[in-house]
Protein backbone atom coordinates (compact mmCIF):
# COMPACT_ATOMS: atom_id res chain seq x y z
CA MET A 1 -25.38 121.65 35.54
CA GLU A 2 -21.88 123.02 36.65
CA GLY A 3 -21.74 120.72 39.85
CA ARG A 4 -22.51 117.44 37.66
CA LEU A 5 -19.86 118.97 35.00
CA LEU A 6 -17.66 118.87 37.91
CA THR A 7 -18.44 115.48 39.01
CA VAL A 8 -17.52 113.76 36.08
CA LEU A 9 -14.46 116.07 35.11
CA VAL A 10 -12.98 114.46 38.96
CA CYS A 11 -13.14 110.91 37.10
CA LEU A 12 -9.86 112.33 34.87
CA ILE A 13 -8.17 112.62 38.15
CA SER A 14 -5.13 110.25 38.34
CA THR A 15 -6.52 108.67 35.10
CA VAL A 16 -5.79 108.68 31.00
CA ALA A 17 -9.02 108.65 29.01
CA ILE A 18 -9.06 107.81 25.93
CA VAL A 19 -12.32 108.79 24.43
CA ASN A 20 -13.50 107.41 20.98
CA ALA A 21 -16.49 106.74 18.88
CA GLY A 22 -17.35 104.04 22.12
CA ASP A 23 -17.57 104.50 25.89
CA PRO A 24 -14.79 106.12 27.31
CA TYR A 25 -12.10 104.29 29.29
CA PHE A 26 -10.13 105.52 32.28
CA PHE A 27 -7.04 103.65 33.61
CA TYR A 28 -5.94 103.65 37.00
CA THR A 29 -3.19 101.37 38.86
CA TRP A 30 -3.34 100.12 42.37
CA ASN A 31 -0.72 99.14 44.35
CA VAL A 32 -2.31 96.66 47.26
CA THR A 33 0.36 96.63 50.25
CA TYR A 34 0.06 96.37 54.27
CA GLY A 35 0.77 99.38 56.38
CA THR A 36 0.04 100.46 59.85
CA ALA A 37 -2.79 102.55 61.41
CA SER A 38 -4.86 102.86 64.53
CA PRO A 39 -8.42 103.19 63.40
CA LEU A 40 -9.11 103.14 66.89
CA GLY A 41 -6.47 104.26 68.52
CA VAL A 42 -4.39 100.66 68.63
CA PRO A 43 -1.88 100.24 66.12
CA GLN A 44 -2.80 97.27 63.90
CA LYS A 45 -1.92 95.76 60.26
CA VAL A 46 -3.99 97.27 57.54
CA ILE A 47 -4.47 97.10 54.05
CA LEU A 48 -3.56 99.88 51.57
CA ILE A 49 -4.45 100.69 48.30
CA ASN A 50 -1.92 103.48 46.76
CA GLY A 51 -0.80 104.30 50.75
CA GLN A 52 -4.28 105.04 51.64
CA PHE A 53 -6.80 103.60 53.77
CA PRO A 54 -9.61 103.18 53.07
CA GLY A 55 -8.67 102.66 49.51
CA PRO A 56 -8.98 105.85 46.88
CA ASN A 57 -12.54 106.35 45.63
CA LEU A 58 -13.77 105.05 42.26
CA ASN A 59 -15.31 107.62 40.43
CA SER A 60 -16.97 106.90 37.13
CA THR A 61 -19.97 107.77 35.00
CA SER A 62 -22.85 105.25 33.51
CA ASN A 63 -21.09 103.11 30.66
CA ASN A 64 -17.57 104.09 31.17
CA ASN A 65 -14.65 101.49 30.77
CA VAL A 66 -13.32 101.11 33.95
CA VAL A 67 -9.55 99.30 33.61
CA ILE A 68 -7.57 99.32 37.07
CA ASN A 69 -4.11 97.23 37.13
CA VAL A 70 -3.96 95.48 40.80
CA PHE A 71 -0.26 95.10 41.88
CA ASN A 72 -0.68 92.40 44.93
CA LYS A 73 2.35 93.21 47.00
CA LEU A 74 0.74 91.24 50.08
CA ASP A 75 2.31 87.86 50.98
CA GLU A 76 -0.89 86.05 50.15
CA PRO A 77 -3.39 85.67 47.67
CA PHE A 78 -5.81 88.73 46.75
CA LEU A 79 -8.81 89.40 44.84
CA LEU A 80 -11.26 92.53 44.85
CA THR A 81 -14.64 92.71 44.30
CA TRP A 82 -17.30 96.03 43.02
CA SER A 83 -20.24 95.42 45.01
CA GLY A 84 -23.35 96.14 43.19
CA ILE A 85 -21.73 96.31 39.81
CA GLN A 86 -23.52 94.03 37.75
CA HIS A 87 -21.07 93.15 35.17
CA ARG A 88 -23.57 92.50 32.41
CA LYS A 89 -22.57 89.56 30.54
CA ASN A 90 -19.46 89.47 32.54
CA CYS A 91 -18.82 87.54 35.81
CA TRP A 92 -15.08 87.20 35.06
CA GLN A 93 -14.51 90.45 36.29
CA ASP A 94 -16.38 89.77 39.63
CA GLY A 95 -13.68 89.35 41.82
CA VAL A 96 -14.88 86.02 44.35
CA ALA A 97 -13.76 82.91 44.61
CA GLY A 98 -16.39 80.90 42.23
CA THR A 99 -15.37 82.91 39.16
CA SER A 100 -11.57 84.19 39.79
CA CYS A 101 -8.67 82.56 40.71
CA PRO A 102 -7.02 85.10 42.89
CA ILE A 103 -4.34 87.51 42.15
CA PRO A 104 -0.90 85.49 43.41
CA ALA A 105 1.52 87.26 45.84
CA GLY A 106 4.10 89.60 43.95
CA GLN A 107 1.72 89.60 40.65
CA ASN A 108 -0.95 91.84 39.15
CA PHE A 109 -4.19 91.04 37.37
CA THR A 110 -6.05 93.95 35.12
CA TYR A 111 -9.74 94.26 35.73
CA HIS A 112 -11.84 95.95 32.65
CA PHE A 113 -15.80 96.52 33.75
CA GLN A 114 -18.38 98.70 32.41
CA PRO A 115 -21.03 99.99 34.88
CA LYS A 116 -23.43 99.51 32.12
CA ASP A 117 -26.90 101.01 32.45
CA GLN A 118 -26.09 101.76 36.11
CA ILE A 119 -25.91 104.90 38.17
CA GLY A 120 -25.25 104.87 42.03
CA SER A 121 -23.47 104.63 45.40
CA TYR A 122 -21.35 101.44 46.00
CA PHE A 123 -17.89 100.05 47.21
CA TYR A 124 -15.24 97.79 46.64
CA TYR A 125 -13.54 95.44 48.98
CA PRO A 126 -11.57 92.00 49.36
CA THR A 127 -12.97 88.82 49.03
CA THR A 128 -9.94 86.54 49.65
CA SER A 129 -9.49 84.84 53.26
CA LEU A 130 -10.21 87.68 55.72
CA HIS A 131 -8.78 90.78 54.06
CA ARG A 132 -11.76 93.01 54.16
CA PHE A 133 -11.31 93.06 58.34
CA ALA A 134 -7.60 94.91 57.50
CA GLY A 135 -9.18 97.40 54.96
CA GLY A 136 -8.61 97.43 51.26
CA PHE A 137 -12.39 98.75 50.70
CA GLY A 138 -13.13 102.10 49.47
CA GLY A 139 -16.31 103.82 47.71
CA LEU A 140 -17.43 103.42 43.76
CA ARG A 141 -20.19 105.87 42.56
CA VAL A 142 -21.53 105.72 39.12
CA ASN A 143 -22.62 108.99 38.42
CA SER A 144 -25.61 109.70 35.59
CA ARG A 145 -24.62 110.86 31.90
CA LEU A 146 -25.11 114.50 31.42
CA LEU A 147 -28.07 113.95 29.00
CA ILE A 148 -30.23 112.10 32.01
CA PRO A 149 -31.82 114.12 33.83
CA VAL A 150 -32.03 113.40 38.18
CA PRO A 151 -34.88 114.09 40.32
CA TYR A 152 -32.96 116.50 42.33
CA ALA A 153 -30.59 120.11 41.68
CA ASP A 154 -26.99 119.64 41.42
CA PRO A 155 -25.51 119.68 45.04
CA GLU A 156 -22.74 121.74 45.99
CA ASP A 157 -20.52 118.73 46.41
CA ASP A 158 -20.65 115.06 46.40
CA TYR A 159 -19.30 113.37 50.10
CA THR A 160 -18.72 109.60 50.26
CA VAL A 161 -19.31 107.94 53.94
CA LEU A 162 -18.03 104.72 54.54
CA ILE A 163 -19.55 103.59 58.02
CA GLY A 164 -19.16 100.35 59.48
CA ASP A 165 -18.24 98.13 62.71
CA TRP A 166 -14.05 97.29 63.23
CA TYR A 167 -12.56 94.69 65.21
CA THR A 168 -8.70 95.91 66.73
CA SER A 169 -7.10 92.37 66.28
CA GLY A 170 -5.55 91.62 63.00
CA HIS A 171 -7.33 89.68 59.69
CA THR A 172 -5.10 86.74 60.28
CA ALA A 173 -6.15 86.64 63.94
CA LEU A 174 -9.50 86.59 63.01
CA LYS A 175 -9.37 83.90 60.47
CA ASN A 176 -7.26 81.49 63.08
CA PHE A 177 -10.20 82.39 65.53
CA LEU A 178 -12.88 81.03 62.85
CA ASP A 179 -10.94 78.15 61.55
CA SER A 180 -10.57 77.02 65.21
CA GLY A 181 -14.28 76.39 65.16
CA ARG A 182 -14.91 79.60 67.08
CA THR A 183 -17.22 82.61 66.32
CA LEU A 184 -15.94 86.23 66.49
CA GLY A 185 -17.19 88.32 69.42
CA LEU A 186 -18.77 91.72 69.50
CA PRO A 187 -16.22 94.30 67.35
CA ASN A 188 -14.48 96.56 69.28
CA GLY A 189 -15.80 99.88 67.79
CA VAL A 190 -17.46 101.66 64.75
CA LEU A 191 -15.67 103.75 62.27
CA ILE A 192 -16.29 106.61 59.46
CA ASN A 193 -13.85 106.44 56.98
CA GLY A 194 -10.91 104.91 58.84
CA LYS A 195 -11.44 107.07 61.64
CA SER A 196 -12.96 107.26 65.06
CA GLY A 197 -13.87 110.26 66.57
CA LYS A 198 -14.60 111.01 70.36
CA VAL A 199 -17.44 113.87 71.66
CA GLY A 200 -15.55 116.69 72.78
CA GLY A 201 -12.23 115.78 71.51
CA LYS A 202 -10.15 117.52 69.33
CA ASN A 203 -11.33 116.31 65.70
CA GLU A 204 -10.23 117.68 62.40
CA PRO A 205 -13.71 118.28 60.06
CA LEU A 206 -13.84 115.12 57.62
CA PHE A 207 -16.55 117.63 55.26
CA THR A 208 -17.01 121.13 55.09
CA MET A 209 -20.60 122.73 54.07
CA LYS A 210 -21.58 126.14 53.07
CA PRO A 211 -24.44 128.23 55.04
CA GLY A 212 -27.38 127.38 52.51
CA LYS A 213 -26.13 125.05 50.22
CA THR A 214 -27.32 121.38 49.64
CA TYR A 215 -24.42 118.58 49.89
CA LYS A 216 -24.92 114.78 48.86
CA TYR A 217 -23.80 112.36 51.14
CA ARG A 218 -23.03 108.62 49.98
CA LEU A 219 -23.45 106.25 52.90
CA CYS A 220 -21.86 102.56 52.50
CA ASN A 221 -21.56 100.10 55.61
CA VAL A 222 -18.94 98.53 54.92
CA GLY A 223 -18.89 96.41 58.11
CA PHE A 224 -18.55 93.03 58.95
CA LYS A 225 -21.75 92.56 61.05
CA SER A 226 -23.62 95.42 62.80
CA THR A 227 -26.19 97.57 61.42
CA ILE A 228 -25.54 101.21 61.74
CA ASN A 229 -27.81 103.70 62.39
CA PHE A 230 -26.70 107.59 60.89
CA ARG A 231 -27.72 110.99 61.92
CA ILE A 232 -26.38 113.96 61.89
CA GLN A 233 -26.90 116.98 64.74
CA ASN A 234 -29.85 118.63 63.88
CA HIS A 235 -30.15 118.22 60.15
CA LYS A 236 -32.65 116.19 58.36
CA LEU A 237 -31.46 113.31 55.87
CA LYS A 238 -33.46 113.16 52.34
CA LEU A 239 -32.92 110.14 51.06
CA VAL A 240 -32.83 110.36 47.08
CA GLU A 241 -31.13 107.16 45.75
CA MET A 242 -30.71 103.55 47.05
CA GLU A 243 -28.25 101.13 45.70
CA GLY A 244 -28.84 102.18 41.95
CA SER A 245 -32.24 103.42 42.17
CA HIS A 246 -33.75 106.46 42.34
CA VAL A 247 -36.54 106.66 45.67
CA LEU A 248 -39.21 108.85 46.77
CA GLN A 249 -37.36 111.57 48.38
CA ASN A 250 -38.49 111.31 52.18
CA ASP A 251 -36.89 113.23 55.21
CA TYR A 252 -35.63 111.22 57.53
CA ASP A 253 -33.83 112.46 61.36
CA SER A 254 -31.72 108.81 60.97
CA LEU A 255 -31.30 105.74 58.48
CA ASP A 256 -30.57 102.21 59.71
CA VAL A 257 -28.04 101.38 57.09
CA HIS A 258 -27.53 97.14 56.85
CA VAL A 259 -24.43 95.66 56.02
CA GLY A 260 -23.25 96.08 52.65
CA GLN A 261 -26.01 98.55 51.66
CA CYS A 262 -25.34 102.36 50.32
CA PHE A 263 -27.75 104.97 50.40
CA SER A 264 -27.69 108.38 48.96
CA VAL A 265 -28.85 111.69 50.90
CA LEU A 266 -29.32 115.29 50.63
CA VAL A 267 -28.27 117.52 53.56
CA THR A 268 -28.82 121.23 53.50
CA ALA A 269 -26.67 123.57 55.26
CA ASN A 270 -29.59 125.04 57.18
CA GLN A 271 -28.59 125.57 60.87
CA ALA A 272 -26.56 127.81 62.30
CA ALA A 273 -22.81 127.99 61.43
CA MET A 274 -21.00 125.77 63.70
CA ASP A 275 -19.38 122.05 63.81
CA TYR A 276 -22.16 119.05 63.60
CA TYR A 277 -21.45 115.75 64.53
CA MET A 278 -22.01 112.61 62.05
CA VAL A 279 -23.24 110.05 64.62
CA ALA A 280 -22.85 106.48 63.52
CA SER A 281 -23.85 103.77 65.98
CA THR A 282 -24.68 100.14 66.06
CA ARG A 283 -27.85 98.47 66.35
CA PHE A 284 -29.24 95.02 67.59
CA LEU A 285 -26.40 94.04 69.42
CA LYS A 286 -25.90 93.18 73.07
CA LYS A 287 -23.99 96.45 73.39
CA GLU A 288 -24.18 99.94 71.26
CA LEU A 289 -21.10 100.76 69.79
CA SER A 290 -20.86 104.26 68.14
CA THR A 291 -18.36 107.17 66.95
CA VAL A 292 -18.69 110.55 65.79
CA GLY A 293 -17.26 112.55 62.67
CA VAL A 294 -17.50 116.27 62.19
CA ILE A 295 -18.90 118.29 60.06
CA ARG A 296 -17.97 121.87 59.79
CA TYR A 297 -20.01 124.96 58.48
CA ALA A 298 -17.20 127.14 56.34
CA GLY A 299 -15.60 129.22 58.67
CA SER A 300 -17.16 128.44 61.47
CA LYS A 301 -14.91 128.08 65.08
CA VAL A 302 -17.76 127.12 67.26
CA GLN A 303 -17.47 123.52 68.47
CA ALA A 304 -20.13 120.99 67.92
CA SER A 305 -22.78 120.35 71.31
CA THR A 306 -21.72 117.37 73.05
CA GLU A 307 -25.66 116.58 73.25
CA LEU A 308 -25.94 113.84 70.49
CA PRO A 309 -29.32 112.56 68.83
CA LYS A 310 -30.15 109.39 70.60
CA ALA A 311 -30.69 106.34 68.03
CA PRO A 312 -33.85 104.41 67.67
CA VAL A 313 -35.11 101.51 69.79
CA GLY A 314 -35.94 98.04 68.13
CA TRP A 315 -35.97 96.57 65.17
CA ALA A 316 -40.12 97.25 64.93
CA TRP A 317 -38.60 100.90 64.04
CA SER A 318 -36.07 99.85 61.40
CA LEU A 319 -38.74 97.16 59.67
CA ASN A 320 -41.31 100.08 59.72
CA GLN A 321 -38.61 102.27 57.73
CA PHE A 322 -37.90 99.76 55.31
CA ARG A 323 -41.68 99.82 54.27
CA SER A 324 -41.30 103.16 53.74
CA PHE A 325 -38.90 102.94 51.01
CA ARG A 326 -40.30 103.65 47.47
CA TRP A 327 -39.28 103.30 44.12
CA ASN A 328 -39.72 106.72 41.88
CA LEU A 329 -41.34 105.61 39.30
CA THR A 330 -41.29 108.44 37.35
CA ALA A 331 -37.53 109.39 37.32
CA SER A 332 -35.20 108.50 34.94
CA ALA A 333 -31.97 106.19 36.28
CA ALA A 334 -29.07 105.56 33.60
CA ARG A 335 -31.71 105.05 30.73
CA PRO A 336 -33.97 108.17 29.38
CA ASN A 337 -37.18 106.01 30.10
CA PRO A 338 -38.58 106.03 33.67
CA GLN A 339 -37.82 103.52 36.23
CA GLY A 340 -41.28 102.40 35.92
CA SER A 341 -41.79 101.87 32.61
CA TYR A 342 -40.96 98.36 33.92
CA HIS A 343 -43.88 96.52 35.40
CA TYR A 344 -42.23 93.63 37.28
CA GLY A 345 -45.28 92.85 39.23
CA LYS A 346 -46.93 91.33 36.25
CA ILE A 347 -44.89 89.02 35.46
CA ASN A 348 -45.24 85.60 36.25
CA ILE A 349 -43.20 83.52 38.34
CA THR A 350 -41.72 80.65 37.23
CA ARG A 351 -39.66 78.98 40.16
CA THR A 352 -39.78 80.18 43.70
CA ILE A 353 -36.32 79.27 45.84
CA LYS A 354 -36.92 79.34 49.60
CA LEU A 355 -33.25 80.00 51.23
CA VAL A 356 -33.41 79.16 55.24
CA THR A 357 -30.28 79.93 56.76
CA SER A 358 -28.69 77.82 59.76
CA ARG A 359 -26.05 77.31 62.22
CA SER A 360 -24.93 73.86 63.23
CA MET A 361 -21.57 72.28 64.46
CA VAL A 362 -19.44 70.34 61.88
CA ASN A 363 -16.53 68.12 63.24
CA GLY A 364 -16.72 70.00 66.33
CA LYS A 365 -16.77 73.77 64.50
CA VAL A 366 -19.18 76.02 63.71
CA ARG A 367 -20.34 76.16 60.35
CA PHE A 368 -23.34 78.03 58.87
CA GLY A 369 -25.18 77.55 55.93
CA PHE A 370 -28.24 77.57 53.19
CA ASN A 371 -30.68 74.43 53.24
CA GLY A 372 -28.57 72.52 55.18
CA VAL A 373 -25.73 72.87 53.12
CA SER A 374 -22.77 75.13 54.14
CA HIS A 375 -20.98 75.99 50.87
CA VAL A 376 -17.15 75.69 50.90
CA ASP A 377 -14.70 77.29 48.23
CA THR A 378 -12.96 75.23 45.57
CA GLU A 379 -9.36 75.30 44.19
CA THR A 380 -10.66 75.55 40.81
CA PRO A 381 -13.13 78.44 40.60
CA LEU A 382 -16.70 77.04 39.88
CA LYS A 383 -16.96 79.59 36.53
CA LEU A 384 -13.48 77.88 35.03
CA ALA A 385 -14.62 74.29 35.76
CA GLU A 386 -18.07 74.57 34.26
CA TYR A 387 -16.54 77.09 30.95
CA PHE A 388 -13.70 74.23 30.44
CA GLN A 389 -16.73 71.69 30.55
CA MET A 390 -14.97 69.91 33.81
CA ALA A 391 -17.60 70.98 36.45
CA GLU A 392 -18.39 67.19 37.21
CA LYS A 393 -14.62 67.14 38.64
CA VAL A 394 -15.30 70.07 41.21
CA PHE A 395 -18.78 70.34 42.24
CA LYS A 396 -22.53 69.15 41.94
CA TYR A 397 -25.42 71.43 40.66
CA ASN A 398 -28.68 71.66 42.99
CA VAL A 399 -27.55 69.46 46.05
CA ILE A 400 -30.61 71.63 47.57
CA LYS A 401 -33.90 71.84 47.10
CA ASP A 402 -36.19 74.86 46.22
CA GLU A 403 -38.11 74.12 49.47
CA PRO A 404 -35.96 72.99 52.08
CA ALA A 405 -36.92 70.60 55.18
CA ALA A 406 -39.08 71.77 57.89
CA LYS A 407 -36.25 71.38 60.09
CA ILE A 408 -32.99 71.79 59.28
CA THR A 409 -30.56 70.12 62.51
CA THR A 410 -27.18 69.17 60.12
CA LEU A 411 -24.95 70.83 57.61
CA THR A 412 -23.31 69.46 54.76
CA VAL A 413 -20.26 70.95 53.91
CA GLN A 414 -19.72 71.08 49.81
CA PRO A 415 -19.87 73.46 46.88
CA ASN A 416 -23.52 74.78 46.57
CA VAL A 417 -24.11 75.72 43.15
CA LEU A 418 -28.13 76.02 41.77
CA ASN A 419 -28.59 75.83 38.28
CA ILE A 420 -31.18 78.41 36.96
CA THR A 421 -32.52 78.89 33.70
CA PHE A 422 -31.49 81.78 31.46
CA ARG A 423 -34.36 84.48 31.38
CA THR A 424 -36.72 82.83 33.75
CA PHE A 425 -38.43 84.83 36.50
CA VAL A 426 -37.86 83.54 40.26
CA GLU A 427 -38.58 84.48 43.40
CA ILE A 428 -36.43 84.02 46.31
CA ILE A 429 -37.47 83.76 50.09
CA PHE A 430 -34.64 84.65 52.61
CA GLU A 431 -36.15 83.02 55.71
CA ASN A 432 -34.27 83.88 59.43
CA HIS A 433 -35.11 81.22 62.06
CA GLU A 434 -32.56 82.77 64.62
CA LYS A 435 -32.41 85.60 66.62
CA SER A 436 -29.73 87.75 64.75
CA MET A 437 -29.97 90.31 62.13
CA GLN A 438 -29.03 89.09 58.50
CA SER A 439 -28.48 91.19 55.19
CA PHE A 440 -27.96 89.44 52.26
CA HIS A 441 -26.23 90.25 48.61
CA LEU A 442 -26.73 89.28 44.89
CA ASP A 443 -24.08 89.48 42.34
CA GLY A 444 -24.83 90.26 38.90
CA TYR A 445 -28.17 91.80 39.51
CA SER A 446 -30.46 94.22 41.26
CA PHE A 447 -33.60 92.35 42.70
CA PHE A 448 -37.29 94.25 44.00
CA ALA A 449 -37.03 93.67 47.57
CA VAL A 450 -40.98 93.33 47.58
CA ALA A 451 -41.58 92.22 51.40
CA SER A 452 -40.21 91.75 54.68
CA GLU A 453 -42.18 90.57 57.60
CA PRO A 454 -41.79 88.43 60.90
CA GLY A 455 -42.60 84.73 61.15
CA ARG A 456 -42.18 82.06 58.51
CA TRP A 457 -42.83 82.50 54.90
CA THR A 458 -46.10 81.13 53.03
CA PRO A 459 -47.38 81.46 49.71
CA GLN A 460 -50.62 83.03 51.12
CA LYS A 461 -47.74 86.17 52.40
CA ARG A 462 -47.74 87.13 48.60
CA ASN A 463 -50.73 88.60 49.03
CA ASN A 464 -48.50 91.60 51.04
CA TYR A 465 -46.11 91.99 48.11
CA ASN A 466 -45.16 95.76 47.08
CA LEU A 467 -45.91 94.87 43.43
CA LEU A 468 -45.90 98.46 42.23
CA ASP A 469 -42.99 100.40 43.68
CA ALA A 470 -40.37 98.22 45.65
CA VAL A 471 -37.27 99.47 45.45
CA SER A 472 -34.60 97.90 42.77
CA ARG A 473 -31.26 97.15 44.77
CA HIS A 474 -28.89 94.39 45.40
CA THR A 475 -28.74 93.82 48.96
CA VAL A 476 -31.75 93.03 51.38
CA GLN A 477 -31.75 92.78 55.14
CA VAL A 478 -33.82 90.00 57.03
CA TYR A 479 -34.90 90.77 60.66
CA PRO A 480 -34.59 88.18 63.57
CA LYS A 481 -37.53 85.42 63.06
CA SER A 482 -38.26 86.90 59.88
CA TRP A 483 -38.44 86.41 56.26
CA SER A 484 -38.08 89.08 53.63
CA ALA A 485 -38.59 88.06 49.59
CA ILE A 486 -37.32 89.23 46.23
CA LEU A 487 -38.28 89.01 42.74
CA LEU A 488 -35.88 89.21 39.50
CA THR A 489 -34.98 88.42 36.13
CA PHE A 490 -32.69 85.85 36.23
CA ASP A 491 -31.33 87.44 32.40
CA ASN A 492 -27.45 88.26 33.09
CA ALA A 493 -25.66 85.17 32.36
CA GLY A 494 -22.73 83.89 34.40
CA MET A 495 -21.75 82.60 38.04
CA TRP A 496 -23.11 84.79 40.32
CA ASN A 497 -23.13 84.63 44.11
CA ILE A 498 -25.28 84.97 47.26
CA ARG A 499 -23.90 85.64 50.04
CA SER A 500 -24.63 86.55 53.72
CA GLU A 501 -22.68 89.98 54.08
CA ASN A 502 -22.07 88.89 57.91
CA TRP A 503 -19.17 88.00 57.10
CA GLU A 504 -18.54 85.79 59.51
CA ARG A 505 -21.33 84.03 58.24
CA ARG A 506 -20.33 84.07 54.96
CA TYR A 507 -16.70 82.84 55.28
CA LEU A 508 -18.32 80.05 57.07
CA GLY A 509 -20.24 78.89 54.18
CA GLU A 510 -23.24 80.82 54.62
CA GLN A 511 -23.31 81.69 50.37
CA LEU A 512 -24.17 80.22 47.36
CA TYR A 513 -23.47 80.43 43.51
CA VAL A 514 -26.46 80.77 40.75
CA SER A 515 -24.81 79.67 37.32
CA VAL A 516 -27.63 81.03 34.81
CA LEU A 517 -26.14 79.23 31.32
CA SER A 518 -27.26 80.88 28.00
CA PRO A 519 -28.07 77.87 25.55
CA GLU A 520 -27.07 79.79 22.81
CA LYS A 521 -23.49 80.58 23.68
CA SER A 522 -23.30 83.60 22.10
CA LEU A 523 -21.72 87.04 22.50
CA ARG A 524 -25.20 88.24 22.70
CA ASP A 525 -25.25 86.89 25.74
CA GLU A 526 -21.67 86.17 27.81
CA TYR A 527 -18.55 87.56 26.76
CA ASN A 528 -15.67 85.11 26.57
CA ILE A 529 -12.96 84.53 29.16
CA PRO A 530 -10.33 87.29 28.95
CA LEU A 531 -6.96 86.34 27.89
CA ASN A 532 -5.49 87.94 31.09
CA THR A 533 -7.41 85.20 33.43
CA ASN A 534 -5.39 83.56 35.51
CA LEU A 535 -5.94 80.39 35.22
CA CYS A 536 -5.66 77.76 38.34
CA GLY A 537 -6.31 74.28 40.15
CA ILE A 538 -7.61 71.71 37.44
CA VAL A 539 -7.75 73.80 34.23
CA LYS A 540 -4.12 75.31 35.04
CA GLY A 541 -1.95 75.69 31.64
CA LEU A 542 -5.08 74.16 29.86
CA PRO A 543 -5.74 76.10 26.29
CA LEU A 544 -8.78 78.07 26.21
CA PRO A 545 -11.73 76.85 25.24
CA ALA A 546 -13.31 77.86 22.02
CA SER A 547 -14.63 81.68 21.61
CA TYR A 548 -18.34 82.01 21.65
CA THR A 549 -19.26 83.77 18.46
């Protein structure tokens, strides 16, 4: 219990807490600025939060109210999203172009969100322009409340490990490159917590472990396009949590962490007292890129061995690893009841949506999309247009079909918004006809990733679904020339983004929004627009609509 008390108390650092009859509030002030750093040894302009690259770790507990006043001191508009936080009834805080006007340069905006009935490992990052390529990201952890048991002993300490690929070109140059109609080449390297290390070099330790103690490492792939394989010399990784769900605890030599995904592992310091390398290397690229970071046993002065553990080969290994992940049915998550008390496999599917990715040239420039439509963001955020009952002036609903054409040869560039009936149980198929690895994320929800297989999906493939203990999560990978299926109940009213986690593809149109409207227009189902909401586009200067009751 002492370890968990310490973890919760850390939330008080750099915050002011107000505890009343309700859930506690924690207040933060973040200054977003440009700075200079050399993540790969080359000085470049990066985005700092309170002078830090990566940004500060945000440490919270289930149901806490998190209030962050973000001052945008950049020279262009800026938004942050909180990847994996569901924002129940409150898509206004999601921080994407379809729900929010960006924070103008020189101004501020206060986010107020609550990780309601959530635990787990997440991260935040910018969604405007290609700011994510410059930084502005950081870890976001949601701890269990003290009264809710977790299915493992309290670790000695809790570490955040942000891994991902990196480019040495600035975000503006990369944006201009994409806007000119070209795609980005291979990344220039890989980072661990904003740094790159060299085998045999003078690397300061990123983490320290006491012999005999067990530590929790939260691994998040915050990169742009590359799956990262993570491993530690001579140490097993015991997987315990994945994107907000406790999982059956298997030991792994290494883990494939796809873009946008977060895993929590336990690592026991049960080896000889010396330094050990963490290794992060890309997968499924023509050229492997890698980096190392040092873990030091307390008091040791023995350098790490230069013999690194090898990465796995091929994506069949990765697919089999995915199939080994299982929901822990007996463990409690954010609530006292066991995770397995929700029997998703017994619910009737009311709608099937197949999303097929495609790539095409539009006016001489590369675009990506779903089902023949390449999404483009609008000056007026989609949710604002809908809330002010002006949707028809900004976008059309359902411009794609649930079952796309057998062959997609062209792309239409327009806003892509699906209307989904509130509280329906829906099956979504992501089908990847290309030779590249893909990863997809859904805001506002967790879903059950029930299957991933090579080839094309057919209704008969449902016979292969895991309808008992698939992990509830918010990101799913799709292997080359393969498909993945997810199941979920759309019970969170709002406007929610489905996007490629390959940021190049997302920027060039491989995303869409789902509009989930409650017919009641009641506070029971969705919160009113916050009074501090920035208004832009055609709703700028308009009075707010009548409040829900």
